[in-house]
PDB file of all heavy atoms in Angstrom:
ATOM      1  N   LEU A   1       0.839  -1.190   0.000  1.00  0.00           N
ATOM      2  CA  LEU A   1       0.000   0.000   0.000  1.00  0.00           C
ATOM      3  C   LEU A   1       0.875   1.241   0.000  1.00  0.00           C
ATOM      4  O   LEU A   1       1.764   1.379   0.846  1.00  0.00           O
ATOM      5  CB  LEU A   1      -0.910  -0.001   1.229  1.00  0.00           C
ATOM      6  CG  LEU A   1      -1.748   1.246   1.479  1.00  0.00           C
ATOM      7  CD1 LEU A   1      -2.770   1.422   0.357  1.00  0.00           C
ATOM      8  CD2 LEU A   1      -2.439   1.143   2.827  1.00  0.00           C
ATOM      9  N   VAL A   2       0.631   2.129  -0.953  1.00  0.00           N
ATOM     10  CA  VAL A   2       1.391   3.372  -1.043  1.00  0.00           C
ATOM     11  C   VAL A   2       0.449   4.523  -1.345  1.00  0.00           C
ATOM     12  O   VAL A   2      -0.656   4.324  -1.849  1.00  0.00           O
ATOM     13  CB  VAL A   2       2.478   3.317  -2.131  1.00  0.00           C
ATOM     14  CG1 VAL A   2       3.508   2.241  -1.812  1.00  0.00           C
ATOM     15  CG2 VAL A   2       1.845   3.063  -3.493  1.00  0.00           C
ATOM     16  N   GLN A   3       0.895   5.724  -1.039  1.00  0.00           N
ATOM     17  CA  GLN A   3       0.120   6.913  -1.355  1.00  0.00           C
ATOM     18  C   GLN A   3       0.385   7.342  -2.784  1.00  0.00           C
ATOM     19  O   GLN A   3       1.433   7.047  -3.356  1.00  0.00           O
ATOM     20  CB  GLN A   3       0.485   8.053  -0.408  1.00  0.00           C
ATOM     21  CG  GLN A   3       0.169   7.802   1.046  1.00  0.00           C
ATOM     22  CD  GLN A   3       0.477   9.003   1.913  1.00  0.00           C
ATOM     23  OE1 GLN A   3       0.057  10.124   1.623  1.00  0.00           O
ATOM     24  NE2 GLN A   3       1.208   8.775   2.986  1.00  0.00           N
ATOM     25  N   ALA A   4      -0.573   8.017  -3.369  1.00  0.00           N
ATOM     26  CA  ALA A   4      -0.398   8.547  -4.713  1.00  0.00           C
ATOM     27  C   ALA A   4       0.854   9.410  -4.763  1.00  0.00           C
ATOM     28  O   ALA A   4       1.107  10.210  -3.867  1.00  0.00           O
ATOM     29  CB  ALA A   4      -1.625   9.350  -5.125  1.00  0.00           C
ATOM     30  N   GLY A   5       1.640   9.228  -5.824  1.00  0.00           N
ATOM     31  CA  GLY A   5       2.888   9.953  -5.961  1.00  0.00           C
ATOM     32  C   GLY A   5       4.082   9.193  -5.435  1.00  0.00           C
ATOM     33  O   GLY A   5       5.232   9.581  -5.690  1.00  0.00           O
ATOM     34  N   GLY A   6       3.830   8.111  -4.726  1.00  0.00           N
ATOM     35  CA  GLY A   6       4.898   7.320  -4.160  1.00  0.00           C
ATOM     36  C   GLY A   6       5.465   6.313  -5.139  1.00  0.00           C
ATOM     37  O   GLY A   6       5.088   6.283  -6.309  1.00  0.00           O
ATOM     38  N   SER A   7       6.358   5.469  -4.635  1.00  0.00           N
ATOM     39  CA  SER A   7       7.034   4.486  -5.474  1.00  0.00           C
ATOM     40  C   SER A   7       7.035   3.105  -4.851  1.00  0.00           C
ATOM     41  O   SER A   7       6.971   2.951  -3.623  1.00  0.00           O
ATOM     42  CB  SER A   7       8.490   4.908  -5.724  1.00  0.00           C
ATOM     43  OG  SER A   7       8.574   6.154  -6.374  1.00  0.00           O
ATOM     44  N   LEU A   8       7.110   2.101  -5.704  1.00  0.00           N
ATOM     45  CA  LEU A   8       7.246   0.716  -5.290  1.00  0.00           C
ATOM     46  C   LEU A   8       8.133   0.008  -6.299  1.00  0.00           C
ATOM     47  O   LEU A   8       8.166   0.384  -7.473  1.00  0.00           O
ATOM     48  CB  LEU A   8       5.899  -0.005  -5.239  1.00  0.00           C
ATOM     49  CG  LEU A   8       5.018   0.145  -4.007  1.00  0.00           C
ATOM     50  CD1 LEU A   8       3.715  -0.628  -4.228  1.00  0.00           C
ATOM     51  CD2 LEU A   8       5.720  -0.371  -2.764  1.00  0.00           C
ATOM     52  N   ARG A   9       8.815  -1.021  -5.850  1.00  0.00           N
ATOM     53  CA  ARG A   9       9.621  -1.833  -6.740  1.00  0.00           C
ATOM     54  C   ARG A   9       9.187  -3.285  -6.603  1.00  0.00           C
ATOM     55  O   ARG A   9       9.336  -3.889  -5.536  1.00  0.00           O
ATOM     56  CB  ARG A   9      11.102  -1.713  -6.405  1.00  0.00           C
ATOM     57  CG  ARG A   9      12.017  -2.397  -7.424  1.00  0.00           C
ATOM     58  CD  ARG A   9      13.422  -2.518  -6.891  1.00  0.00           C
ATOM     59  NE  ARG A   9      14.376  -2.908  -7.919  1.00  0.00           N
ATOM     60  CZ  ARG A   9      15.595  -3.374  -7.676  1.00  0.00           C
ATOM     61  NH1 ARG A   9      16.024  -3.503  -6.425  1.00  0.00           N
ATOM     62  NH2 ARG A   9      16.396  -3.697  -8.685  1.00  0.00           N
ATOM     63  N   LEU A  10       8.660  -3.834  -7.673  1.00  0.00           N
ATOM     64  CA  LEU A  10       8.238  -5.218  -7.684  1.00  0.00           C
ATOM     65  C   LEU A  10       9.368  -6.110  -8.187  1.00  0.00           C
ATOM     66  O   LEU A  10      10.155  -5.712  -9.041  1.00  0.00           O
ATOM     67  CB  LEU A  10       7.017  -5.410  -8.585  1.00  0.00           C
ATOM     68  CG  LEU A  10       5.791  -4.540  -8.292  1.00  0.00           C
ATOM     69  CD1 LEU A  10       4.657  -4.920  -9.236  1.00  0.00           C
ATOM     70  CD2 LEU A  10       5.361  -4.674  -6.845  1.00  0.00           C
ATOM     71  N   SER A  11       9.415  -7.314  -7.662  1.00  0.00           N
ATOM     72  CA  SER A  11      10.410  -8.282  -8.087  1.00  0.00           C
ATOM     73  C   SER A  11       9.713  -9.562  -8.506  1.00  0.00           C
ATOM     74  O   SER A  11       8.661  -9.914  -7.980  1.00  0.00           O
ATOM     75  CB  SER A  11      11.399  -8.594  -6.962  1.00  0.00           C
ATOM     76  OG  SER A  11      12.125  -7.450  -6.580  1.00  0.00           O
ATOM     77  N   CYS A  12      10.311 -10.257  -9.450  1.00  0.00           N
ATOM     78  CA  CYS A  12       9.795 -11.537  -9.910  1.00  0.00           C
ATOM     79  C   CYS A  12      10.965 -12.500 -10.011  1.00  0.00           C
ATOM     80  O   CYS A  12      11.832 -12.345 -10.876  1.00  0.00           O
ATOM     81  CB  CYS A  12       9.111 -11.392 -11.271  1.00  0.00           C
ATOM     82  SG  CYS A  12       8.619 -12.966 -12.025  1.00  0.00           S
ATOM     83  N   ALA A  13      10.995 -13.466  -9.131  1.00  0.00           N
ATOM     84  CA  ALA A  13      12.058 -14.457  -9.123  1.00  0.00           C
ATOM     85  C   ALA A  13      11.643 -15.664  -9.947  1.00  0.00           C
ATOM     86  O   ALA A  13      10.581 -16.234  -9.720  1.00  0.00           O
ATOM     87  CB  ALA A  13      12.373 -14.879  -7.694  1.00  0.00           C
ATOM     88  N   ALA A  14      12.481 -16.029 -10.897  1.00  0.00           N
ATOM     89  CA  ALA A  14      12.198 -17.154 -11.777  1.00  0.00           C
ATOM     90  C   ALA A  14      13.114 -18.330 -11.457  1.00  0.00           C
ATOM     91  O   ALA A  14      14.287 -18.152 -11.138  1.00  0.00           O
ATOM     92  CB  ALA A  14      12.371 -16.747 -13.234  1.00  0.00           C
ATOM     93  N   SER A  15      12.564 -19.511 -11.561  1.00  0.00           N
ATOM     94  CA  SER A  15      13.349 -20.718 -11.369  1.00  0.00           C
ATOM     95  C   SER A  15      12.941 -21.742 -12.417  1.00  0.00           C
ATOM     96  O   SER A  15      11.819 -21.713 -12.915  1.00  0.00           O
ATOM     97  CB  SER A  15      13.151 -21.290  -9.962  1.00  0.00           C
ATOM     98  OG  SER A  15      11.795 -21.650  -9.741  1.00  0.00           O
ATOM     99  N   GLY A  16      13.855 -22.626 -12.749  1.00  0.00           N
ATOM    100  CA  GLY A  16      13.584 -23.624 -13.758  1.00  0.00           C
ATOM    101  C   GLY A  16      14.524 -23.479 -14.942  1.00  0.00           C
ATOM    102  O   GLY A  16      15.601 -22.904 -14.825  1.00  0.00           O
ATOM    103  N   ARG A  17      14.101 -23.968 -16.074  1.00  0.00           N
ATOM    104  CA  ARG A  17      14.918 -23.929 -17.278  1.00  0.00           C
ATOM    105  C   ARG A  17      14.969 -22.527 -17.865  1.00  0.00           C
ATOM    106  O   ARG A  17      13.953 -21.979 -18.281  1.00  0.00           O
ATOM    107  CB  ARG A  17      14.372 -24.913 -18.309  1.00  0.00           C
ATOM    108  CG  ARG A  17      14.495 -26.375 -17.889  1.00  0.00           C
ATOM    109  CD  ARG A  17      13.738 -27.281 -18.829  1.00  0.00           C
ATOM    110  NE  ARG A  17      12.305 -27.074 -18.732  1.00  0.00           N
ATOM    111  CZ  ARG A  17      11.400 -27.711 -19.452  1.00  0.00           C
ATOM    112  NH1 ARG A  17      11.794 -28.620 -20.333  1.00  0.00           N
ATOM    113  NH2 ARG A  17      10.116 -27.451 -19.295  1.00  0.00           N
ATOM    114  N   THR A  18      16.156 -21.951 -17.898  1.00  0.00           N
ATOM    115  CA  THR A  18      16.344 -20.587 -18.376  1.00  0.00           C
ATOM    116  C   THR A  18      15.831 -20.391 -19.799  1.00  0.00           C
ATOM    117  O   THR A  18      15.232 -19.369 -20.118  1.00  0.00           O
ATOM    118  CB  THR A  18      17.827 -20.188 -18.304  1.00  0.00           C
ATOM    119  OG1 THR A  18      18.300 -20.327 -16.958  1.00  0.00           O
ATOM    120  CG2 THR A  18      18.012 -18.743 -18.751  1.00  0.00           C
ATOM    121  N   PHE A  19      16.054 -21.358 -20.648  1.00  0.00           N
ATOM    122  CA  PHE A  19      15.644 -21.238 -22.046  1.00  0.00           C
ATOM    123  C   PHE A  19      14.135 -21.235 -22.220  1.00  0.00           C
ATOM    124  O   PHE A  19      13.643 -20.956 -23.312  1.00  0.00           O
ATOM    125  CB  PHE A  19      16.265 -22.364 -22.881  1.00  0.00           C
ATOM    126  CG  PHE A  19      15.876 -23.752 -22.443  1.00  0.00           C
ATOM    127  CD1 PHE A  19      14.681 -24.317 -22.866  1.00  0.00           C
ATOM    128  CD2 PHE A  19      16.708 -24.501 -21.624  1.00  0.00           C
ATOM    129  CE1 PHE A  19      14.319 -25.591 -22.473  1.00  0.00           C
ATOM    130  CE2 PHE A  19      16.355 -25.775 -21.220  1.00  0.00           C
ATOM    131  CZ  PHE A  19      15.163 -26.322 -21.644  1.00  0.00           C
ATOM    132  N   SER A  20      13.409 -21.518 -21.177  1.00  0.00           N
ATOM    133  CA  SER A  20      11.962 -21.575 -21.260  1.00  0.00           C
ATOM    134  C   SER A  20      11.286 -20.228 -21.014  1.00  0.00           C
ATOM    135  O   SER A  20      10.073 -20.118 -21.170  1.00  0.00           O
ATOM    136  CB  SER A  20      11.420 -22.606 -20.260  1.00  0.00           C
ATOM    137  OG  SER A  20      11.852 -23.915 -20.598  1.00  0.00           O
ATOM    138  N   TYR A  21      12.047 -19.222 -20.613  1.00  0.00           N
ATOM    139  CA  TYR A  21      11.463 -17.905 -20.354  1.00  0.00           C
ATOM    140  C   TYR A  21      12.373 -16.790 -20.870  1.00  0.00           C
ATOM    141  O   TYR A  21      12.932 -16.009 -20.102  1.00  0.00           O
ATOM    142  CB  TYR A  21      11.143 -17.710 -18.871  1.00  0.00           C
ATOM    143  CG  TYR A  21      12.247 -18.053 -17.889  1.00  0.00           C
ATOM    144  CD1 TYR A  21      13.108 -17.072 -17.415  1.00  0.00           C
ATOM    145  CD2 TYR A  21      12.400 -19.354 -17.425  1.00  0.00           C
ATOM    146  CE1 TYR A  21      14.112 -17.383 -16.516  1.00  0.00           C
ATOM    147  CE2 TYR A  21      13.405 -19.671 -16.520  1.00  0.00           C
ATOM    148  CZ  TYR A  21      14.258 -18.677 -16.066  1.00  0.00           C
ATOM    149  OH  TYR A  21      15.246 -18.984 -15.159  1.00  0.00           O
ATOM    150  N   ALA A  22      12.500 -16.703 -22.180  1.00  0.00           N
ATOM    151  CA  ALA A  22      13.352 -15.707 -22.811  1.00  0.00           C
ATOM    152  C   ALA A  22      12.891 -14.281 -22.514  1.00  0.00           C
ATOM    153  O   ALA A  22      13.556 -13.531 -21.801  1.00  0.00           O
ATOM    154  CB  ALA A  22      13.413 -15.958 -24.316  1.00  0.00           C
ATOM    155  N   ALA A  23      11.745 -13.909 -23.071  1.00  0.00           N
ATOM    156  CA  ALA A  23      11.177 -12.593 -22.800  1.00  0.00           C
ATOM    157  C   ALA A  23      10.321 -12.648 -21.539  1.00  0.00           C
ATOM    158  O   ALA A  23       9.675 -13.653 -21.262  1.00  0.00           O
ATOM    159  CB  ALA A  23      10.349 -12.114 -23.984  1.00  0.00           C
ATOM    160  N   MET A  24      10.330 -11.566 -20.785  1.00  0.00           N
ATOM    161  CA  MET A  24       9.527 -11.494 -19.575  1.00  0.00           C
ATOM    162  C   MET A  24       8.700 -10.220 -19.594  1.00  0.00           C
ATOM    163  O   MET A  24       9.028  -9.265 -20.298  1.00  0.00           O
ATOM    164  CB  MET A  24      10.412 -11.533 -18.327  1.00  0.00           C
ATOM    165  CG  MET A  24      11.231 -12.800 -18.204  1.00  0.00           C
ATOM    166  SD  MET A  24      12.155 -12.924 -16.647  1.00  0.00           S
ATOM    167  CE  MET A  24      10.824 -13.275 -15.488  1.00  0.00           C
ATOM    168  N   ALA A  25       7.634 -10.210 -18.820  1.00  0.00           N
ATOM    169  CA  ALA A  25       6.722  -9.077 -18.842  1.00  0.00           C
ATOM    170  C   ALA A  25       5.974  -8.930 -17.529  1.00  0.00           C
ATOM    171  O   ALA A  25       6.016  -9.812 -16.658  1.00  0.00           O
ATOM    172  CB  ALA A  25       5.724  -9.232 -19.989  1.00  0.00           C
ATOM    173  N   TRP A  26       5.313  -7.804 -17.405  1.00  0.00           N
ATOM    174  CA  TRP A  26       4.406  -7.543 -16.300  1.00  0.00           C
ATOM    175  C   TRP A  26       3.032  -7.214 -16.848  1.00  0.00           C
ATOM    176  O   TRP A  26       2.899  -6.442 -17.802  1.00  0.00           O
ATOM    177  CB  TRP A  26       4.888  -6.372 -15.440  1.00  0.00           C
ATOM    178  CG  TRP A  26       6.087  -6.670 -14.603  1.00  0.00           C
ATOM    179  CD1 TRP A  26       7.381  -6.410 -14.906  1.00  0.00           C
ATOM    180  CD2 TRP A  26       6.091  -7.276 -13.305  1.00  0.00           C
ATOM    181  NE1 TRP A  26       8.202  -6.814 -13.886  1.00  0.00           N
ATOM    182  CE2 TRP A  26       7.438  -7.352 -12.888  1.00  0.00           C
ATOM    183  CE3 TRP A  26       5.094  -7.759 -12.452  1.00  0.00           C
ATOM    184  CZ2 TRP A  26       7.820  -7.894 -11.659  1.00  0.00           C
ATOM    185  CZ3 TRP A  26       5.466  -8.306 -11.233  1.00  0.00           C
ATOM    186  CH2 TRP A  26       6.811  -8.370 -10.846  1.00  0.00           C
ATOM    187  N   PHE A  27       2.025  -7.799 -16.243  1.00  0.00           N
ATOM    188  CA  PHE A  27       0.635  -7.498 -16.538  1.00  0.00           C
ATOM    189  C   PHE A  27      -0.039  -7.132 -15.231  1.00  0.00           C
ATOM    190  O   PHE A  27       0.484  -7.395 -14.152  1.00  0.00           O
ATOM    191  CB  PHE A  27      -0.066  -8.700 -17.170  1.00  0.00           C
ATOM    192  CG  PHE A  27       0.411  -9.034 -18.552  1.00  0.00           C
ATOM    193  CD1 PHE A  27       1.580  -9.753 -18.749  1.00  0.00           C
ATOM    194  CD2 PHE A  27      -0.314  -8.631 -19.667  1.00  0.00           C
ATOM    195  CE1 PHE A  27       2.025 -10.066 -20.021  1.00  0.00           C
ATOM    196  CE2 PHE A  27       0.115  -8.940 -20.949  1.00  0.00           C
ATOM    197  CZ  PHE A  27       1.286  -9.655 -21.122  1.00  0.00           C
ATOM    198  N   ARG A  28      -1.214  -6.547 -15.322  1.00  0.00           N
ATOM    199  CA  ARG A  28      -1.954  -6.224 -14.108  1.00  0.00           C
ATOM    200  C   ARG A  28      -3.444  -6.379 -14.349  1.00  0.00           C
ATOM    201  O   ARG A  28      -3.916  -6.305 -15.480  1.00  0.00           O
ATOM    202  CB  ARG A  28      -1.640  -4.799 -13.624  1.00  0.00           C
ATOM    203  CG  ARG A  28      -2.120  -3.690 -14.553  1.00  0.00           C
ATOM    204  CD  ARG A  28      -1.629  -2.340 -14.068  1.00  0.00           C
ATOM    205  NE  ARG A  28      -2.102  -1.254 -14.897  1.00  0.00           N
ATOM    206  CZ  ARG A  28      -1.734   0.016 -14.761  1.00  0.00           C
ATOM    207  NH1 ARG A  28      -0.870   0.353 -13.805  1.00  0.00           N
ATOM    208  NH2 ARG A  28      -2.216   0.949 -15.560  1.00  0.00           N
TER     209      ARG A  28
END
């Protein structure tokens, strides 16, 4: 939870076969 104008940093840790996830993205 943040106030308008604030900042957040999201992280996504991946595990498994590297060749299986070349491009990565964020959706909401």
